[in-house]
N, C-alpha and C. Protein backbone atom coordinates (compact mmCIF):
# COMPACT_ATOMS: atom_id res chain seq x y z
N MET A 1 9.36 -7.18 -13.55
CA MET A 1 7.94 -6.93 -13.80
C MET A 1 7.56 -7.48 -15.17
N THR A 2 6.32 -7.80 -15.31
CA THR A 2 5.77 -8.34 -16.55
C THR A 2 5.91 -7.34 -17.69
N GLU A 3 6.34 -7.82 -18.86
CA GLU A 3 6.48 -6.96 -20.02
C GLU A 3 5.41 -7.21 -21.06
N LYS A 4 4.86 -8.45 -21.08
CA LYS A 4 3.79 -8.81 -22.02
C LYS A 4 2.64 -9.39 -21.24
N VAL A 5 1.43 -9.08 -21.69
CA VAL A 5 0.23 -9.61 -21.07
C VAL A 5 -0.72 -10.09 -22.14
N ILE A 6 -1.63 -10.96 -21.74
CA ILE A 6 -2.73 -11.34 -22.61
C ILE A 6 -3.97 -10.65 -22.07
N THR A 7 -4.65 -9.91 -22.93
CA THR A 7 -5.83 -9.18 -22.50
C THR A 7 -7.09 -9.94 -22.86
N PHE A 8 -8.10 -9.77 -22.03
CA PHE A 8 -9.38 -10.45 -22.25
C PHE A 8 -10.49 -9.62 -21.61
N HIS A 9 -11.72 -9.95 -21.95
CA HIS A 9 -12.88 -9.21 -21.46
C HIS A 9 -13.72 -10.06 -20.52
N LEU A 10 -14.27 -9.39 -19.52
CA LEU A 10 -15.26 -9.95 -18.62
C LEU A 10 -16.29 -8.86 -18.38
N GLY A 11 -17.51 -9.09 -18.77
CA GLY A 11 -18.57 -8.12 -18.50
C GLY A 11 -18.29 -6.72 -19.02
N GLY A 12 -17.65 -6.60 -20.17
CA GLY A 12 -17.39 -5.29 -20.76
C GLY A 12 -16.13 -4.60 -20.26
N GLN A 13 -15.47 -5.15 -19.25
CA GLN A 13 -14.23 -4.58 -18.71
C GLN A 13 -13.05 -5.40 -19.23
N MET A 14 -11.93 -4.73 -19.49
CA MET A 14 -10.74 -5.43 -19.95
C MET A 14 -9.84 -5.78 -18.77
N TYR A 15 -9.37 -7.03 -18.78
CA TYR A 15 -8.46 -7.54 -17.77
C TYR A 15 -7.24 -8.10 -18.50
N ALA A 16 -6.21 -8.45 -17.74
CA ALA A 16 -5.01 -9.03 -18.34
C ALA A 16 -4.35 -9.98 -17.36
N LEU A 17 -3.61 -10.92 -17.92
CA LEU A 17 -2.76 -11.82 -17.15
C LEU A 17 -1.36 -11.76 -17.74
N PRO A 18 -0.32 -11.88 -16.91
CA PRO A 18 1.03 -11.92 -17.44
C PRO A 18 1.17 -13.11 -18.39
N ILE A 19 1.81 -12.90 -19.51
CA ILE A 19 1.96 -13.95 -20.52
C ILE A 19 2.71 -15.15 -19.95
N GLU A 20 3.57 -14.92 -18.96
CA GLU A 20 4.35 -16.00 -18.37
C GLU A 20 3.47 -17.07 -17.73
N CYS A 21 2.29 -16.72 -17.26
CA CYS A 21 1.42 -17.70 -16.59
C CYS A 21 0.45 -18.36 -17.56
N VAL A 22 0.38 -17.90 -18.82
CA VAL A 22 -0.57 -18.45 -19.78
C VAL A 22 0.10 -19.56 -20.59
N GLN A 23 -0.51 -20.73 -20.54
CA GLN A 23 0.01 -21.88 -21.28
C GLN A 23 -0.57 -21.91 -22.70
N GLU A 24 -1.89 -21.72 -22.80
CA GLU A 24 -2.55 -21.75 -24.10
C GLU A 24 -3.98 -21.25 -23.95
N ILE A 25 -4.64 -21.08 -25.10
CA ILE A 25 -6.03 -20.67 -25.13
C ILE A 25 -6.79 -21.74 -25.92
N GLN A 26 -7.92 -22.18 -25.37
CA GLN A 26 -8.72 -23.23 -25.98
C GLN A 26 -10.18 -22.78 -26.02
N GLN A 27 -10.95 -23.39 -26.90
CA GLN A 27 -12.40 -23.19 -26.85
C GLN A 27 -12.93 -24.02 -25.69
N ILE A 28 -14.04 -23.60 -25.16
CA ILE A 28 -14.65 -24.29 -24.03
C ILE A 28 -14.98 -25.73 -24.41
N VAL A 29 -14.88 -26.60 -23.43
CA VAL A 29 -15.21 -28.01 -23.61
C VAL A 29 -16.20 -28.41 -22.52
N ARG A 30 -16.70 -29.62 -22.62
CA ARG A 30 -17.60 -30.12 -21.58
C ARG A 30 -16.79 -30.40 -20.31
N PHE A 31 -17.37 -30.04 -19.18
CA PHE A 31 -16.70 -30.22 -17.90
C PHE A 31 -17.23 -31.47 -17.21
N ALA A 32 -16.36 -32.19 -16.54
CA ALA A 32 -16.79 -33.27 -15.64
C ALA A 32 -17.19 -32.57 -14.35
N GLU A 33 -18.42 -32.76 -13.95
CA GLU A 33 -18.94 -32.06 -12.76
C GLU A 33 -18.25 -32.55 -11.50
N VAL A 34 -18.06 -31.61 -10.58
CA VAL A 34 -17.48 -31.90 -9.27
C VAL A 34 -18.50 -31.42 -8.25
N PRO A 35 -19.09 -32.32 -7.46
CA PRO A 35 -20.13 -31.92 -6.51
C PRO A 35 -19.58 -31.17 -5.30
N ASP A 36 -20.45 -30.36 -4.72
CA ASP A 36 -20.16 -29.69 -3.44
C ASP A 36 -18.89 -28.87 -3.43
N VAL A 37 -18.72 -28.05 -4.44
CA VAL A 37 -17.53 -27.19 -4.48
C VAL A 37 -17.97 -25.73 -4.63
N SER A 38 -17.01 -24.86 -4.66
CA SER A 38 -17.25 -23.43 -4.84
C SER A 38 -18.04 -23.18 -6.13
N PRO A 39 -18.94 -22.20 -6.13
CA PRO A 39 -19.69 -21.89 -7.36
C PRO A 39 -18.78 -21.41 -8.49
N ALA A 40 -17.57 -21.00 -8.18
CA ALA A 40 -16.64 -20.56 -9.22
C ALA A 40 -16.06 -21.74 -10.00
N ILE A 41 -16.07 -22.93 -9.40
CA ILE A 41 -15.51 -24.10 -10.07
C ILE A 41 -16.58 -24.73 -10.94
N LEU A 42 -16.31 -24.74 -12.23
CA LEU A 42 -17.25 -25.27 -13.20
C LEU A 42 -17.18 -26.79 -13.31
N GLY A 43 -16.02 -27.34 -13.01
CA GLY A 43 -15.80 -28.78 -13.11
C GLY A 43 -14.35 -29.05 -13.44
N MET A 44 -14.11 -30.23 -13.97
CA MET A 44 -12.76 -30.64 -14.32
C MET A 44 -12.69 -30.85 -15.84
N VAL A 45 -11.52 -30.59 -16.40
CA VAL A 45 -11.27 -30.71 -17.84
C VAL A 45 -10.11 -31.66 -18.05
N ASN A 46 -10.24 -32.52 -19.04
CA ASN A 46 -9.14 -33.41 -19.41
C ASN A 46 -8.36 -32.71 -20.52
N LEU A 47 -7.19 -32.20 -20.18
CA LEU A 47 -6.35 -31.49 -21.14
C LEU A 47 -5.19 -32.40 -21.53
N ARG A 48 -5.37 -33.13 -22.63
CA ARG A 48 -4.36 -34.05 -23.13
C ARG A 48 -3.83 -34.98 -22.03
N GLY A 49 -4.76 -35.56 -21.26
CA GLY A 49 -4.40 -36.53 -20.24
C GLY A 49 -4.19 -35.94 -18.85
N GLU A 50 -4.13 -34.62 -18.74
CA GLU A 50 -3.99 -33.97 -17.43
C GLU A 50 -5.35 -33.42 -17.03
N VAL A 51 -5.82 -33.85 -15.87
CA VAL A 51 -7.11 -33.37 -15.37
C VAL A 51 -6.88 -32.09 -14.58
N ILE A 52 -7.54 -31.01 -15.02
CA ILE A 52 -7.35 -29.71 -14.37
C ILE A 52 -8.71 -29.09 -14.05
N PRO A 53 -8.78 -28.26 -13.02
CA PRO A 53 -10.04 -27.59 -12.71
C PRO A 53 -10.31 -26.47 -13.71
N ALA A 54 -11.60 -26.23 -13.94
CA ALA A 54 -12.04 -25.11 -14.77
C ALA A 54 -12.81 -24.16 -13.87
N VAL A 55 -12.46 -22.88 -13.91
CA VAL A 55 -13.12 -21.89 -13.06
C VAL A 55 -13.73 -20.78 -13.91
N ASP A 56 -14.83 -20.24 -13.41
CA ASP A 56 -15.51 -19.13 -14.05
C ASP A 56 -14.93 -17.85 -13.46
N LEU A 57 -14.13 -17.15 -14.24
CA LEU A 57 -13.48 -15.94 -13.73
C LEU A 57 -14.50 -14.85 -13.40
N ARG A 58 -15.65 -14.84 -14.09
CA ARG A 58 -16.71 -13.88 -13.78
C ARG A 58 -17.13 -14.02 -12.31
N THR A 59 -17.34 -15.25 -11.86
CA THR A 59 -17.77 -15.49 -10.49
C THR A 59 -16.70 -15.02 -9.50
N ILE A 60 -15.45 -15.29 -9.81
CA ILE A 60 -14.36 -14.93 -8.91
C ILE A 60 -14.24 -13.41 -8.75
N VAL A 61 -14.42 -12.66 -9.84
CA VAL A 61 -14.29 -11.20 -9.75
C VAL A 61 -15.60 -10.51 -9.39
N GLY A 62 -16.67 -11.29 -9.21
CA GLY A 62 -17.92 -10.71 -8.75
C GLY A 62 -18.85 -10.20 -9.84
N ILE A 63 -18.73 -10.76 -11.05
CA ILE A 63 -19.60 -10.38 -12.16
C ILE A 63 -20.61 -11.52 -12.34
N PRO A 64 -21.89 -11.21 -12.57
CA PRO A 64 -22.87 -12.28 -12.74
C PRO A 64 -22.49 -13.24 -13.87
N ALA A 65 -22.77 -14.51 -13.65
CA ALA A 65 -22.46 -15.55 -14.64
C ALA A 65 -23.34 -15.39 -15.87
N VAL A 66 -22.85 -15.89 -16.99
CA VAL A 66 -23.61 -15.90 -18.25
C VAL A 66 -23.55 -17.30 -18.83
N GLU A 67 -24.43 -17.57 -19.79
CA GLU A 67 -24.40 -18.85 -20.50
C GLU A 67 -23.16 -18.90 -21.38
N PHE A 68 -22.51 -20.05 -21.43
CA PHE A 68 -21.36 -20.23 -22.29
C PHE A 68 -21.83 -20.70 -23.66
N THR A 69 -21.04 -20.36 -24.68
CA THR A 69 -21.31 -20.84 -26.03
C THR A 69 -20.09 -21.62 -26.51
N ILE A 70 -20.20 -22.21 -27.67
CA ILE A 70 -19.08 -22.96 -28.25
C ILE A 70 -17.88 -22.03 -28.48
N ASP A 71 -18.11 -20.72 -28.60
CA ASP A 71 -17.03 -19.77 -28.84
C ASP A 71 -16.41 -19.22 -27.55
N THR A 72 -16.94 -19.61 -26.40
CA THR A 72 -16.39 -19.12 -25.13
C THR A 72 -14.98 -19.67 -24.95
N PRO A 73 -14.01 -18.80 -24.69
CA PRO A 73 -12.63 -19.27 -24.54
C PRO A 73 -12.26 -19.65 -23.11
N MET A 74 -11.31 -20.55 -23.01
CA MET A 74 -10.68 -20.90 -21.74
C MET A 74 -9.20 -20.53 -21.87
N VAL A 75 -8.69 -19.84 -20.88
CA VAL A 75 -7.27 -19.53 -20.83
C VAL A 75 -6.65 -20.54 -19.87
N ILE A 76 -5.77 -21.38 -20.39
CA ILE A 76 -5.12 -22.38 -19.55
C ILE A 76 -3.91 -21.70 -18.91
N CYS A 77 -3.94 -21.62 -17.59
CA CYS A 77 -2.89 -20.91 -16.85
C CYS A 77 -2.09 -21.87 -15.98
N ARG A 78 -0.83 -21.55 -15.81
CA ARG A 78 0.03 -22.26 -14.87
C ARG A 78 0.02 -21.46 -13.57
N THR A 79 -0.28 -22.15 -12.47
CA THR A 79 -0.29 -21.50 -11.16
C THR A 79 0.70 -22.22 -10.26
N ASP A 80 0.88 -21.72 -9.06
CA ASP A 80 1.75 -22.40 -8.09
C ASP A 80 1.23 -23.79 -7.76
N ASP A 81 -0.10 -23.99 -7.90
CA ASP A 81 -0.73 -25.28 -7.58
C ASP A 81 -0.97 -26.15 -8.80
N GLY A 82 -0.49 -25.76 -9.97
CA GLY A 82 -0.69 -26.54 -11.18
C GLY A 82 -1.53 -25.77 -12.19
N ALA A 83 -1.91 -26.47 -13.25
CA ALA A 83 -2.67 -25.82 -14.33
C ALA A 83 -4.13 -25.64 -13.93
N VAL A 84 -4.75 -24.63 -14.50
CA VAL A 84 -6.18 -24.35 -14.30
C VAL A 84 -6.72 -23.73 -15.58
N ALA A 85 -7.95 -24.09 -15.94
CA ALA A 85 -8.63 -23.50 -17.09
C ALA A 85 -9.50 -22.36 -16.58
N VAL A 86 -9.23 -21.16 -17.04
CA VAL A 86 -9.97 -19.97 -16.60
C VAL A 86 -10.90 -19.56 -17.74
N VAL A 87 -12.21 -19.59 -17.50
CA VAL A 87 -13.18 -19.26 -18.53
C VAL A 87 -13.44 -17.75 -18.49
N VAL A 88 -13.29 -17.11 -19.67
CA VAL A 88 -13.47 -15.66 -19.82
C VAL A 88 -14.48 -15.40 -20.93
N ASP A 89 -14.90 -14.15 -21.09
CA ASP A 89 -15.89 -13.82 -22.13
C ASP A 89 -15.27 -13.83 -23.53
N GLU A 90 -14.11 -13.20 -23.64
CA GLU A 90 -13.47 -13.05 -24.94
C GLU A 90 -12.00 -12.74 -24.73
N VAL A 91 -11.12 -13.41 -25.47
CA VAL A 91 -9.69 -13.11 -25.42
C VAL A 91 -9.40 -12.07 -26.48
N ASP A 92 -8.63 -11.06 -26.10
CA ASP A 92 -8.35 -9.95 -27.00
C ASP A 92 -7.02 -10.14 -27.73
N ASP A 93 -5.90 -9.96 -27.03
CA ASP A 93 -4.62 -9.93 -27.71
C ASP A 93 -3.47 -10.08 -26.72
N VAL A 94 -2.28 -10.37 -27.25
CA VAL A 94 -1.05 -10.27 -26.47
C VAL A 94 -0.53 -8.86 -26.67
N VAL A 95 -0.24 -8.18 -25.57
CA VAL A 95 0.11 -6.77 -25.62
C VAL A 95 1.43 -6.53 -24.90
N ASP A 96 2.30 -5.73 -25.52
CA ASP A 96 3.51 -5.26 -24.83
C ASP A 96 3.10 -4.13 -23.91
N LEU A 97 3.51 -4.19 -22.66
CA LEU A 97 3.19 -3.11 -21.73
C LEU A 97 4.15 -1.95 -21.92
N PRO A 98 3.62 -0.76 -22.22
CA PRO A 98 4.51 0.40 -22.31
C PRO A 98 5.17 0.65 -20.95
N GLU A 99 6.40 1.08 -20.98
CA GLU A 99 7.11 1.35 -19.73
C GLU A 99 6.34 2.37 -18.89
N GLY A 100 6.18 2.06 -17.62
CA GLY A 100 5.52 2.97 -16.69
C GLY A 100 4.00 2.97 -16.75
N CYS A 101 3.39 2.07 -17.50
CA CYS A 101 1.93 2.10 -17.61
C CYS A 101 1.24 1.42 -16.43
N VAL A 102 1.96 0.56 -15.70
CA VAL A 102 1.34 -0.16 -14.59
C VAL A 102 1.44 0.66 -13.30
N GLN A 103 0.28 0.89 -12.71
CA GLN A 103 0.21 1.59 -11.43
C GLN A 103 -0.36 0.64 -10.39
N PRO A 104 -0.05 0.85 -9.12
CA PRO A 104 -0.64 0.00 -8.08
C PRO A 104 -2.16 0.09 -8.11
N ALA A 105 -2.81 -1.01 -7.78
CA ALA A 105 -4.27 -1.02 -7.72
C ALA A 105 -4.72 -0.16 -6.54
N PRO A 106 -5.76 0.65 -6.74
CA PRO A 106 -6.28 1.44 -5.61
C PRO A 106 -6.73 0.51 -4.48
N PRO A 107 -6.32 0.78 -3.25
CA PRO A 107 -6.64 -0.13 -2.14
C PRO A 107 -8.14 -0.31 -1.91
N MET A 108 -8.96 0.64 -2.34
CA MET A 108 -10.39 0.49 -2.12
C MET A 108 -11.04 -0.44 -3.15
N HIS A 109 -10.32 -0.82 -4.20
CA HIS A 109 -10.85 -1.74 -5.20
C HIS A 109 -10.94 -3.13 -4.58
N SER A 110 -12.07 -3.79 -4.74
CA SER A 110 -12.29 -5.09 -4.09
C SER A 110 -11.29 -6.15 -4.53
N LEU A 111 -10.69 -5.99 -5.71
CA LEU A 111 -9.71 -6.96 -6.19
C LEU A 111 -8.26 -6.50 -5.98
N ALA A 112 -8.06 -5.41 -5.27
CA ALA A 112 -6.71 -4.82 -5.14
C ALA A 112 -5.67 -5.84 -4.70
N SER A 113 -6.00 -6.68 -3.74
CA SER A 113 -5.01 -7.65 -3.23
C SER A 113 -4.79 -8.80 -4.21
N ARG A 114 -5.59 -8.86 -5.26
CA ARG A 114 -5.48 -9.93 -6.26
C ARG A 114 -4.98 -9.41 -7.60
N MET A 115 -4.56 -8.16 -7.63
CA MET A 115 -4.07 -7.55 -8.86
C MET A 115 -2.59 -7.23 -8.75
N LEU A 116 -1.93 -7.27 -9.89
CA LEU A 116 -0.54 -6.80 -9.97
C LEU A 116 -0.52 -5.30 -10.22
N GLY A 117 -1.64 -4.76 -10.68
CA GLY A 117 -1.74 -3.33 -10.92
C GLY A 117 -2.80 -3.01 -11.95
N VAL A 118 -2.87 -1.74 -12.27
CA VAL A 118 -3.80 -1.24 -13.29
C VAL A 118 -2.96 -0.60 -14.39
N CYS A 119 -3.24 -0.98 -15.63
CA CYS A 119 -2.50 -0.45 -16.77
C CYS A 119 -3.35 0.60 -17.46
N ARG A 120 -2.73 1.70 -17.81
CA ARG A 120 -3.42 2.75 -18.57
C ARG A 120 -3.06 2.61 -20.04
N PHE A 121 -4.08 2.40 -20.86
CA PHE A 121 -3.92 2.33 -22.31
C PHE A 121 -4.80 3.39 -22.94
N GLU A 122 -4.54 3.70 -24.21
CA GLU A 122 -5.36 4.66 -24.93
C GLU A 122 -6.83 4.24 -24.95
N LYS A 123 -7.07 2.91 -25.07
CA LYS A 123 -8.45 2.43 -25.14
C LYS A 123 -9.08 2.20 -23.77
N GLY A 124 -8.40 2.56 -22.70
CA GLY A 124 -8.97 2.44 -21.36
C GLY A 124 -8.05 1.76 -20.39
N MET A 125 -8.58 1.49 -19.21
CA MET A 125 -7.81 0.84 -18.15
C MET A 125 -7.94 -0.68 -18.25
N VAL A 126 -6.86 -1.34 -17.92
CA VAL A 126 -6.82 -2.79 -17.92
C VAL A 126 -6.36 -3.23 -16.53
N PHE A 127 -7.14 -4.12 -15.92
CA PHE A 127 -6.79 -4.64 -14.60
C PHE A 127 -5.90 -5.86 -14.78
N LEU A 128 -4.65 -5.74 -14.33
CA LEU A 128 -3.66 -6.81 -14.45
C LEU A 128 -3.78 -7.72 -13.23
N LEU A 129 -4.26 -8.94 -13.46
CA LEU A 129 -4.56 -9.86 -12.38
C LEU A 129 -3.38 -10.74 -12.02
N ASP A 130 -3.30 -11.12 -10.76
CA ASP A 130 -2.33 -12.07 -10.24
C ASP A 130 -3.06 -13.41 -10.13
N ILE A 131 -2.80 -14.34 -11.03
CA ILE A 131 -3.57 -15.59 -11.10
C ILE A 131 -3.50 -16.38 -9.79
N ASP A 132 -2.35 -16.42 -9.15
CA ASP A 132 -2.24 -17.19 -7.91
C ASP A 132 -3.05 -16.55 -6.78
N ALA A 133 -2.97 -15.25 -6.64
CA ALA A 133 -3.76 -14.55 -5.61
C ALA A 133 -5.25 -14.62 -5.93
N LEU A 134 -5.58 -14.57 -7.20
CA LEU A 134 -6.97 -14.59 -7.63
C LEU A 134 -7.65 -15.91 -7.29
N LEU A 135 -6.92 -17.01 -7.44
CA LEU A 135 -7.49 -18.32 -7.20
C LEU A 135 -7.32 -18.80 -5.77
N GLU A 136 -6.63 -18.05 -4.94
CA GLU A 136 -6.35 -18.45 -3.57
C GLU A 136 -7.59 -18.87 -2.79
N PRO A 137 -8.68 -18.10 -2.80
CA PRO A 137 -9.83 -18.49 -1.98
C PRO A 137 -10.67 -19.60 -2.59
N VAL A 138 -10.40 -19.96 -3.84
CA VAL A 138 -11.17 -21.00 -4.50
C VAL A 138 -10.58 -22.35 -4.12
N ASP A 139 -11.39 -23.23 -3.56
CA ASP A 139 -10.93 -24.53 -3.15
C ASP A 139 -10.87 -25.43 -4.37
N LEU A 140 -9.69 -25.54 -4.98
CA LEU A 140 -9.53 -26.33 -6.20
C LEU A 140 -9.32 -27.80 -5.83
N PRO A 141 -10.27 -28.67 -6.21
CA PRO A 141 -10.13 -30.08 -5.85
C PRO A 141 -9.03 -30.76 -6.63
N GLU A 142 -8.41 -31.73 -6.01
CA GLU A 142 -7.40 -32.52 -6.70
C GLU A 142 -8.05 -33.85 -7.06
N VAL A 143 -8.07 -34.15 -8.35
CA VAL A 143 -8.70 -35.37 -8.83
C VAL A 143 -7.71 -36.10 -9.72
N GLU A 144 -7.58 -37.40 -9.52
CA GLU A 144 -6.72 -38.21 -10.35
C GLU A 144 -7.40 -38.46 -11.68
N ALA A 145 -6.65 -38.62 -12.74
CA ALA A 145 -7.20 -38.79 -14.09
C ALA A 145 -8.16 -39.97 -14.17
N GLU A 146 -7.87 -41.07 -13.47
CA GLU A 146 -8.73 -42.24 -13.57
C GLU A 146 -10.07 -42.05 -12.84
N ASP A 147 -10.21 -41.01 -12.01
CA ASP A 147 -11.45 -40.76 -11.29
C ASP A 147 -12.48 -40.04 -12.14
N VAL A 148 -12.08 -39.47 -13.27
CA VAL A 148 -12.98 -38.69 -14.11
C VAL A 148 -13.31 -39.51 -15.35
N THR A 149 -14.60 -39.63 -15.64
CA THR A 149 -14.98 -40.41 -16.82
C THR A 149 -15.65 -39.53 -17.83
């Protein structure tokens, strides 16, 4: 089980991803638009020569979208299908999970099948997301680097 997570905020709620799936954190950049795709896909990003999709995590978890600013962070994650830039409201910290703090997600929670569990912390609950399950319904386009200008 995951021992360290990176915590971040979406719409006032705290979420987390296992540190093992996080490659890096970057400030938002301009996206190359991709037509006719899921509303969660913001476009493609050139990350040091690798073209990766950028997704709005707010849209995926069902929170209304907001305007991005230069300070909006992207969490670059490694998934089973390759790297993806996940746009979040604010990145908080890398946190050691106290033993026994992760409980199964309640089955009635709409994201239950996309979570690794719910963590109880003194400052509140944190929803621990499974990045691969979370992105499963999003049709991530495959684009070669030379196709994006």
